[in-house]
Amino acid sequence: MKKQEITFSIEGDYIDLLQLLKATGIASTGGHAKMMVEEGVILRNGEQELRKRAKLFPGDVVEIKGMKVCLQ
């Protein structure tokens, strides 16, 4: 099964992981986003990301549940 891939443009220097999950619709609420991070199902640049407030920058790739988000 091929992953769904989307490109997300950051306004400013970075975006917090929780904000990205909500902005892309991957998480329906902030609580849902926090649960996803706590479950350890999010990969950032191929490595597990467990920090809810991790700062994501252009060039980062976030993968979760069959979806790939490329930041620019």
Protein backbone atom coordinates (compact mmCIF):
# COMPACT_ATOMS: atom_id res chain seq x y z
CA MET A 1 0.00 0.00 0.00
CA LYS A 2 1.43 3.35 -1.05
CA LYS A 3 1.56 6.16 1.47
CA GLN A 4 -0.49 9.26 0.85
CA GLU A 5 1.95 12.14 0.47
CA ILE A 6 1.18 15.81 0.99
CA THR A 7 3.29 18.94 0.99
CA PHE A 8 2.72 21.51 3.73
CA SER A 9 4.08 25.05 3.57
CA ILE A 10 5.21 26.51 6.87
CA GLU A 11 4.43 30.15 7.57
CA GLY A 12 7.32 31.46 9.63
CA ASP A 13 10.48 29.63 10.68
CA TYR A 14 8.90 26.46 12.09
CA ILE A 15 5.67 24.76 13.20
CA ASP A 16 5.07 22.71 16.36
CA LEU A 17 4.26 19.03 15.81
CA LEU A 18 0.82 19.35 17.44
CA GLN A 19 -0.02 22.35 15.26
CA LEU A 20 1.00 20.43 12.13
CA LEU A 21 -1.18 17.44 13.04
CA LYS A 22 -4.19 19.70 13.51
CA ALA A 23 -3.50 21.93 10.47
CA THR A 24 -3.25 18.94 8.12
CA GLY A 25 -6.36 17.28 9.53
CA ILE A 26 -4.41 14.21 10.63
CA ALA A 27 -5.63 14.93 14.17
CA SER A 28 -9.14 16.25 14.72
CA THR A 29 -8.36 17.96 18.05
CA GLY A 30 -5.40 18.93 20.19
CA GLY A 31 -6.16 16.02 22.51
CA HIS A 32 -6.18 13.62 19.58
CA ALA A 33 -2.81 15.01 18.42
CA LYS A 34 -1.32 14.54 21.91
CA MET A 35 -2.53 10.93 22.02
CA MET A 36 -0.91 10.19 18.67
CA VAL A 37 2.44 11.53 19.88
CA GLU A 38 2.19 9.63 23.18
CA GLU A 39 1.43 6.39 21.30
CA GLY A 40 4.76 6.74 19.48
CA VAL A 41 3.27 6.37 15.99
CA ILE A 42 4.88 9.50 14.52
CA LEU A 43 8.17 9.43 12.64
CA ARG A 44 10.17 12.57 11.94
CA ASN A 45 12.87 12.13 9.31
CA GLY A 46 12.66 8.37 9.86
CA GLU A 47 12.97 8.45 13.65
CA GLN A 48 10.27 8.19 16.31
CA GLU A 49 9.19 11.61 17.62
CA LEU A 50 7.82 11.70 21.16
CA ARG A 51 8.02 15.46 21.83
CA LYS A 52 4.62 17.13 21.48
CA ARG A 53 6.14 20.57 20.98
CA ALA A 54 8.91 19.45 18.63
CA LYS A 55 9.77 22.25 16.24
CA LEU A 56 9.48 21.17 12.63
CA PHE A 57 11.36 23.01 9.90
CA PRO A 58 11.24 23.13 6.08
CA GLY A 59 12.78 19.92 4.75
CA ASP A 60 11.47 17.76 7.59
CA VAL A 61 9.35 14.73 6.69
CA VAL A 62 6.68 13.50 9.11
CA GLU A 63 5.13 10.05 8.68
CA ILE A 64 2.08 8.74 10.48
CA LYS A 65 -0.49 6.03 9.80
CA GLY A 66 0.12 5.70 6.07
CA MET A 67 0.52 9.43 5.48
CA LYS A 68 3.70 11.32 4.65
CA VAL A 69 3.89 15.10 5.15
CA CYS A 70 6.77 16.95 3.49
CA LEU A 71 7.38 20.40 4.95
CA GLN A 72 8.51 23.33 2.87
